[in-house]
Amino acid sequence: MEKKFKIIILITFITSFSVTTGFLIWSIYDYYTFQIYVDTYSPVYQGVGVNKASNYTNESGIHPIVLLGPDGTRHKWTTEIPSSWRPKSISDVELVICIYGERGRGIESCPYELPSGGIFYITTVQLILDANLREAKTGRSITNITIEGPMPRHCGAIEYIDNDDTIYGSHVSFTQLIEELIPYIII
């Protein structure tokens, strides 16, 4: 019985190690594969096409995309693109989404009276994501995309603050970006 138990533990360990190692190797492969795409297609961020890219057409099907962050760098969502939208090779890329970053839009400015008699203002801010969808081969802009994040909460009757006089809404979600891209990627 004891020998059988040791064999089961050994098999469990080997299986667990193989699955974990396989996941780690796949994650490293994914990271470097996406970095190659980012490095190759970063000129598109500046409107410069990449000759080895595929032509973007209005033909039905899925049009592979690469996601770039500010200044053509890797973005936290670069590896989040759905696998069916990912290019199979460097020359398979048709579209590049260039994310410029989030900006804030002031929604409300709330005055609060300080114990010393002065007035202190707290501002509520909605976050907005700006991006541009470009054709990979030519660098041509297809469309500007502006996505509004959720509205911030309203100022309360009493607010406790540290060093920040701003109440921010939530960040724009990756799902919101995907919804904006669907009409261009899946035709």
C-alpha atoms as a PDB file:
ATOM      1  CA  MET A   1       0.000   0.000   0.000  1.00  0.00           C
ATOM      2  CA  GLU A   2       2.800   2.425   0.887  1.00  0.00           C
ATOM      3  CA  LYS A   3       4.610   1.782  -2.430  1.00  0.00           C
ATOM      4  CA  LYS A   4       1.393   2.414  -4.391  1.00  0.00           C
ATOM      5  CA  PHE A   5       0.918   5.704  -2.512  1.00  0.00           C
ATOM      6  CA  LYS A   6       4.482   6.828  -3.391  1.00  0.00           C
ATOM      7  CA  ILE A   7       3.900   6.051  -7.082  1.00  0.00           C
ATOM      8  CA  ILE A   8       0.676   8.100  -7.098  1.00  0.00           C
ATOM      9  CA  ILE A   9       2.470  11.033  -5.463  1.00  0.00           C
ATOM     10  CA  LEU A  10       5.318  10.775  -8.016  1.00  0.00           C
ATOM     11  CA  ILE A  11       2.873  10.664 -10.960  1.00  0.00           C
ATOM     12  CA  THR A  12       0.941  13.633  -9.507  1.00  0.00           C
ATOM     13  CA  PHE A  13       4.187  15.607  -9.100  1.00  0.00           C
ATOM     14  CA  ILE A  14       5.385  14.822 -12.647  1.00  0.00           C
ATOM     15  CA  THR A  15       2.000  15.738 -14.131  1.00  0.00           C
ATOM     16  CA  SER A  16       1.817  18.932 -12.096  1.00  0.00           C
ATOM     17  CA  PHE A  17       5.418  19.862 -13.009  1.00  0.00           C
ATOM     18  CA  SER A  18       4.780  19.206 -16.714  1.00  0.00           C
ATOM     19  CA  VAL A  19       1.629  21.317 -16.786  1.00  0.00           C
ATOM     20  CA  THR A  20       3.287  24.180 -14.873  1.00  0.00           C
ATOM     21  CA  THR A  21       6.462  24.054 -16.992  1.00  0.00           C
ATOM     22  CA  GLY A  22       4.421  23.864 -20.195  1.00  0.00           C
ATOM     23  CA  PHE A  23       2.416  26.927 -19.149  1.00  0.00           C
ATOM     24  CA  LEU A  24       5.606  28.795 -18.251  1.00  0.00           C
ATOM     25  CA  ILE A  25       7.277  27.911 -21.557  1.00  0.00           C
ATOM     26  CA  TRP A  26       4.128  28.939 -23.456  1.00  0.00           C
ATOM     27  CA  SER A  27       3.981  32.257 -21.537  1.00  0.00           C
ATOM     28  CA  ILE A  28       7.633  33.007 -22.348  1.00  0.00           C
ATOM     29  CA  TYR A  29       7.020  32.069 -26.004  1.00  0.00           C
ATOM     30  CA  ASP A  30       3.938  34.332 -26.068  1.00  0.00           C
ATOM     31  CA  TYR A  31       5.887  37.222 -24.554  1.00  0.00           C
ATOM     32  CA  TYR A  32       8.721  37.045 -27.109  1.00  0.00           C
ATOM     33  CA  THR A  33       6.393  36.422 -30.036  1.00  0.00           C
ATOM     34  CA  PHE A  34       4.373  39.517 -29.195  1.00  0.00           C
ATOM     35  CA  GLN A  35       7.543  41.536 -28.641  1.00  0.00           C
ATOM     36  CA  ILE A  36       8.633  40.689 -32.206  1.00  0.00           C
ATOM     37  CA  TYR A  37       5.280  41.994 -33.488  1.00  0.00           C
ATOM     38  CA  VAL A  38       5.603  45.160 -31.383  1.00  0.00           C
ATOM     39  CA  ASP A  39       9.165  45.790 -32.615  1.00  0.00           C
ATOM     40  CA  THR A  40       8.229  45.150 -36.265  1.00  0.00           C
ATOM     41  CA  TYR A  41       5.043  47.225 -36.309  1.00  0.00           C
ATOM     42  CA  SER A  42       6.025  50.118 -33.997  1.00  0.00           C
ATOM     43  CA  PRO A  43       6.604  52.477 -37.002  1.00  0.00           C
ATOM     44  CA  VAL A  44       2.858  52.254 -37.762  1.00  0.00           C
ATOM     45  CA  TYR A  45       2.274  54.240 -34.554  1.00  0.00           C
ATOM     46  CA  GLN A  46       3.873  57.201 -36.364  1.00  0.00           C
ATOM     47  CA  GLY A  47       1.912  56.557 -39.572  1.00  0.00           C
ATOM     48  CA  VAL A  48       4.715  54.685 -41.338  1.00  0.00           C
ATOM     49  CA  GLY A  49       3.658  51.473 -43.073  1.00  0.00           C
ATOM     50  CA  VAL A  50       5.431  48.126 -42.925  1.00  0.00           C
ATOM     51  CA  ASN A  51       5.958  46.595 -46.389  1.00  0.00           C
ATOM     52  CA  LYS A  52       5.837  42.988 -45.214  1.00  0.00           C
ATOM     53  CA  ALA A  53       2.309  43.473 -43.780  1.00  0.00           C
ATOM     54  CA  SER A  54      -0.790  42.145 -45.529  1.00  0.00           C
ATOM     55  CA  ASN A  55      -3.251  44.460 -47.248  1.00  0.00           C
ATOM     56  CA  TYR A  56      -6.353  45.358 -45.259  1.00  0.00           C
ATOM     57  CA  THR A  57      -9.440  44.704 -47.349  1.00  0.00           C
ATOM     58  CA  ASN A  58     -13.170  44.758 -46.817  1.00  0.00           C
ATOM     59  CA  GLU A  59     -13.361  41.048 -47.601  1.00  0.00           C
ATOM     60  CA  SER A  60     -15.278  38.915 -45.131  1.00  0.00           C
ATOM     61  CA  GLY A  61     -13.239  37.157 -42.494  1.00  0.00           C
ATOM     62  CA  ILE A  62     -10.963  38.052 -39.617  1.00  0.00           C
ATOM     63  CA  HIS A  63      -8.348  40.742 -40.145  1.00  0.00           C
ATOM     64  CA  PRO A  64      -5.333  40.097 -37.826  1.00  0.00           C
ATOM     65  CA  ILE A  65      -4.333  42.919 -35.496  1.00  0.00           C
ATOM     66  CA  VAL A  66      -1.418  44.014 -33.301  1.00  0.00           C
ATOM     67  CA  LEU A  67      -1.958  46.299 -30.313  1.00  0.00           C
ATOM     68  CA  LEU A  68       0.602  49.008 -29.491  1.00  0.00           C
ATOM     69  CA  GLY A  69       0.837  51.262 -26.471  1.00  0.00           C
ATOM     70  CA  PRO A  70       2.083  54.852 -26.249  1.00  0.00           C
ATOM     71  CA  ASP A  71       4.927  55.657 -28.649  1.00  0.00           C
ATOM     72  CA  GLY A  72       4.635  52.261 -30.322  1.00  0.00           C
ATOM     73  CA  THR A  73       5.632  50.272 -27.256  1.00  0.00           C
ATOM     74  CA  ARG A  74       4.173  47.127 -25.716  1.00  0.00           C
ATOM     75  CA  HIS A  75       0.880  47.763 -23.916  1.00  0.00           C
ATOM     76  CA  LYS A  76      -0.538  45.804 -20.971  1.00  0.00           C
ATOM     77  CA  TRP A  77      -3.289  44.556 -23.338  1.00  0.00           C
ATOM     78  CA  THR A  78      -0.916  43.487 -26.152  1.00  0.00           C
ATOM     79  CA  THR A  79      -1.181  39.803 -25.240  1.00  0.00           C
ATOM     80  CA  GLU A  80      -4.914  40.019 -24.447  1.00  0.00           C
ATOM     81  CA  ILE A  81      -6.039  40.164 -28.083  1.00  0.00           C
ATOM     82  CA  PRO A  82      -8.310  37.159 -28.747  1.00  0.00           C
ATOM     83  CA  SER A  83      -6.318  34.284 -30.259  1.00  0.00           C
ATOM     84  CA  SER A  84      -8.514  34.204 -33.384  1.00  0.00           C
ATOM     85  CA  TRP A  85      -7.567  37.857 -34.079  1.00  0.00           C
ATOM     86  CA  ARG A  86      -3.830  37.306 -33.668  1.00  0.00           C
ATOM     87  CA  PRO A  87      -1.583  37.118 -36.702  1.00  0.00           C
ATOM     88  CA  LYS A  88      -0.138  33.697 -37.559  1.00  0.00           C
ATOM     89  CA  SER A  89       3.073  35.295 -38.855  1.00  0.00           C
ATOM     90  CA  ILE A  90       4.733  38.703 -39.144  1.00  0.00           C
ATOM     91  CA  SER A  91       3.388  39.146 -42.693  1.00  0.00           C
ATOM     92  CA  ASP A  92      -0.156  38.213 -41.641  1.00  0.00           C
ATOM     93  CA  VAL A  93      -0.786  41.528 -39.807  1.00  0.00           C
ATOM     94  CA  GLU A  94      -3.387  43.806 -41.438  1.00  0.00           C
ATOM     95  CA  LEU A  95      -4.319  46.222 -38.637  1.00  0.00           C
ATOM     96  CA  VAL A  96      -2.548  48.004 -35.805  1.00  0.00           C
ATOM     97  CA  ILE A  97      -4.441  49.620 -32.943  1.00  0.00           C
ATOM     98  CA  CYS A  98      -2.392  52.434 -31.419  1.00  0.00           C
ATOM     99  CA  ILE A  99      -3.410  53.322 -27.887  1.00  0.00           C
ATOM    100  CA  TYR A 100      -2.460  56.870 -26.972  1.00  0.00           C
ATOM    101  CA  GLY A 101      -3.427  56.496 -23.342  1.00  0.00           C
ATOM    102  CA  GLU A 102      -6.059  57.720 -20.951  1.00  0.00           C
ATOM    103  CA  ARG A 103      -6.921  61.306 -20.258  1.00  0.00           C
ATOM    104  CA  GLY A 104      -9.301  62.812 -17.766  1.00  0.00           C
ATOM    105  CA  ARG A 105     -12.359  64.966 -18.327  1.00  0.00           C
ATOM    106  CA  GLY A 106     -13.517  67.042 -15.373  1.00  0.00           C
ATOM    107  CA  ILE A 107     -17.137  66.306 -14.519  1.00  0.00           C
ATOM    108  CA  GLU A 108     -17.828  68.103 -11.268  1.00  0.00           C
ATOM    109  CA  SER A 109     -16.014  70.542  -8.996  1.00  0.00           C
ATOM    110  CA  CYS A 110     -17.212  70.433  -5.403  1.00  0.00           C
ATOM    111  CA  PRO A 111     -16.400  73.170  -2.875  1.00  0.00           C
ATOM    112  CA  TYR A 112     -15.737  72.237   0.763  1.00  0.00           C
ATOM    113  CA  GLU A 113     -15.293  74.682   3.584  1.00  0.00           C
ATOM    114  CA  LEU A 114     -12.120  74.160   5.564  1.00  0.00           C
ATOM    115  CA  PRO A 115     -12.065  74.522   9.369  1.00  0.00           C
ATOM    116  CA  SER A 116      -9.651  77.430   8.874  1.00  0.00           C
ATOM    117  CA  GLY A 117     -12.310  79.245   6.842  1.00  0.00           C
ATOM    118  CA  GLY A 118     -10.919  78.686   3.357  1.00  0.00           C
ATOM    119  CA  ILE A 119     -12.522  76.782   0.492  1.00  0.00           C
ATOM    120  CA  PHE A 120     -11.112  73.539  -0.878  1.00  0.00           C
ATOM    121  CA  TYR A 121     -12.282  71.962  -4.166  1.00  0.00           C
ATOM    122  CA  ILE A 122     -12.515  68.309  -5.088  1.00  0.00           C
ATOM    123  CA  THR A 123     -12.910  67.473  -8.765  1.00  0.00           C
ATOM    124  CA  THR A 124     -14.498  64.337 -10.172  1.00  0.00           C
ATOM    125  CA  VAL A 125     -12.921  63.032 -13.372  1.00  0.00           C
ATOM    126  CA  GLN A 126     -14.098  60.572 -16.015  1.00  0.00           C
ATOM    127  CA  LEU A 127     -11.279  58.647 -17.726  1.00  0.00           C
ATOM    128  CA  ILE A 128     -11.264  58.511 -21.531  1.00  0.00           C
ATOM    129  CA  LEU A 129      -9.115  56.266 -23.751  1.00  0.00           C
ATOM    130  CA  ASP A 130      -7.900  57.621 -27.080  1.00  0.00           C
ATOM    131  CA  ALA A 131      -6.702  55.256 -29.798  1.00  0.00           C
ATOM    132  CA  ASN A 132      -6.229  55.124 -33.543  1.00  0.00           C
ATOM    133  CA  LEU A 133      -6.811  52.121 -35.782  1.00  0.00           C
ATOM    134  CA  ARG A 134      -4.278  52.019 -38.626  1.00  0.00           C
ATOM    135  CA  GLU A 135      -3.626  49.923 -41.688  1.00  0.00           C
ATOM    136  CA  ALA A 136      -0.379  48.018 -41.066  1.00  0.00           C
ATOM    137  CA  LYS A 137       0.909  48.059 -44.654  1.00  0.00           C
ATOM    138  CA  THR A 138       0.468  51.797 -45.291  1.00  0.00           C
ATOM    139  CA  GLY A 139       0.257  53.321 -41.797  1.00  0.00           C
ATOM    140  CA  ARG A 140      -2.943  55.051 -42.967  1.00  0.00           C
ATOM    141  CA  SER A 141      -5.422  55.988 -40.242  1.00  0.00           C
ATOM    142  CA  ILE A 142      -8.689  54.068 -40.595  1.00  0.00           C
ATOM    143  CA  THR A 143     -10.494  55.614 -37.635  1.00  0.00           C
ATOM    144  CA  ASN A 144      -9.936  57.445 -34.369  1.00  0.00           C
ATOM    145  CA  ILE A 145     -11.456  55.719 -31.373  1.00  0.00           C
ATOM    146  CA  THR A 146     -12.499  57.481 -28.172  1.00  0.00           C
ATOM    147  CA  ILE A 147     -13.902  55.357 -25.376  1.00  0.00           C
ATOM    148  CA  GLU A 148     -15.392  56.833 -22.223  1.00  0.00           C
ATOM    149  CA  GLY A 149     -14.853  55.007 -18.969  1.00  0.00           C
ATOM    150  CA  PRO A 150     -17.536  54.799 -16.288  1.00  0.00           C
ATOM    151  CA  MET A 151     -18.590  58.059 -14.664  1.00  0.00           C
ATOM    152  CA  PRO A 152     -16.949  58.826 -11.316  1.00  0.00           C
ATOM    153  CA  ARG A 153     -19.052  58.866  -8.179  1.00  0.00           C
ATOM    154  CA  HIS A 154     -20.514  62.180  -7.092  1.00  0.00           C
ATOM    155  CA  CYS A 155     -18.921  64.211  -4.356  1.00  0.00           C
ATOM    156  CA  GLY A 156     -20.165  63.321  -0.904  1.00  0.00           C
ATOM    157  CA  ALA A 157     -21.420  65.696   1.777  1.00  0.00           C
ATOM    158  CA  ILE A 158     -18.137  64.996   3.582  1.00  0.00           C
ATOM    159  CA  GLU A 159     -14.934  63.895   1.873  1.00  0.00           C
ATOM    160  CA  TYR A 160     -11.800  62.575   3.534  1.00  0.00           C
ATOM    161  CA  ILE A 161      -8.715  63.250   1.469  1.00  0.00           C
ATOM    162  CA  ASP A 162      -5.009  62.602   1.743  1.00  0.00           C
ATOM    163  CA  ASN A 163      -2.993  64.467  -0.855  1.00  0.00           C
ATOM    164  CA  ASP A 164      -5.321  63.993  -3.819  1.00  0.00           C
ATOM    165  CA  ASP A 165      -8.136  66.385  -4.561  1.00  0.00           C
ATOM    166  CA  THR A 166      -9.544  64.259  -7.387  1.00  0.00           C
ATOM    167  CA  ILE A 167     -12.103  61.456  -7.508  1.00  0.00           C
ATOM    168  CA  TYR A 168     -11.543  59.322 -10.609  1.00  0.00           C
ATOM    169  CA  GLY A 169     -13.974  57.053 -12.387  1.00  0.00           C
ATOM    170  CA  SER A 170     -12.832  53.541 -13.321  1.00  0.00           C
ATOM    171  CA  HIS A 171     -10.421  52.904 -16.173  1.00  0.00           C
ATOM    172  CA  VAL A 172     -11.669  52.025 -19.636  1.00  0.00           C
ATOM    173  CA  SER A 173     -11.839  48.232 -19.876  1.00  0.00           C
ATOM    174  CA  PHE A 174     -10.252  45.995 -22.486  1.00  0.00           C
ATOM    175  CA  THR A 175     -13.754  44.695 -23.268  1.00  0.00           C
ATOM    176  CA  GLN A 176     -14.839  48.209 -24.240  1.00  0.00           C
ATOM    177  CA  LEU A 177     -11.921  48.438 -26.684  1.00  0.00           C
ATOM    178  CA  ILE A 178     -12.725  45.026 -28.170  1.00  0.00           C
ATOM    179  CA  GLU A 179     -16.340  46.085 -28.769  1.00  0.00           C
ATOM    180  CA  GLU A 180     -15.103  49.117 -30.736  1.00  0.00           C
ATOM    181  CA  LEU A 181     -12.744  46.989 -32.851  1.00  0.00           C
ATOM    182  CA  ILE A 182     -15.163  44.203 -33.844  1.00  0.00           C
ATOM    183  CA  PRO A 183     -16.626  45.976 -36.912  1.00  0.00           C
ATOM    184  CA  TYR A 184     -13.122  46.388 -38.391  1.00  0.00           C
ATOM    185  CA  ILE A 185     -11.662  43.003 -37.507  1.00  0.00           C
ATOM    186  CA  ILE A 186     -14.582  40.661 -38.136  1.00  0.00           C
ATOM    187  CA  ILE A 187     -16.216  41.506 -41.430  1.00  0.00           C
END
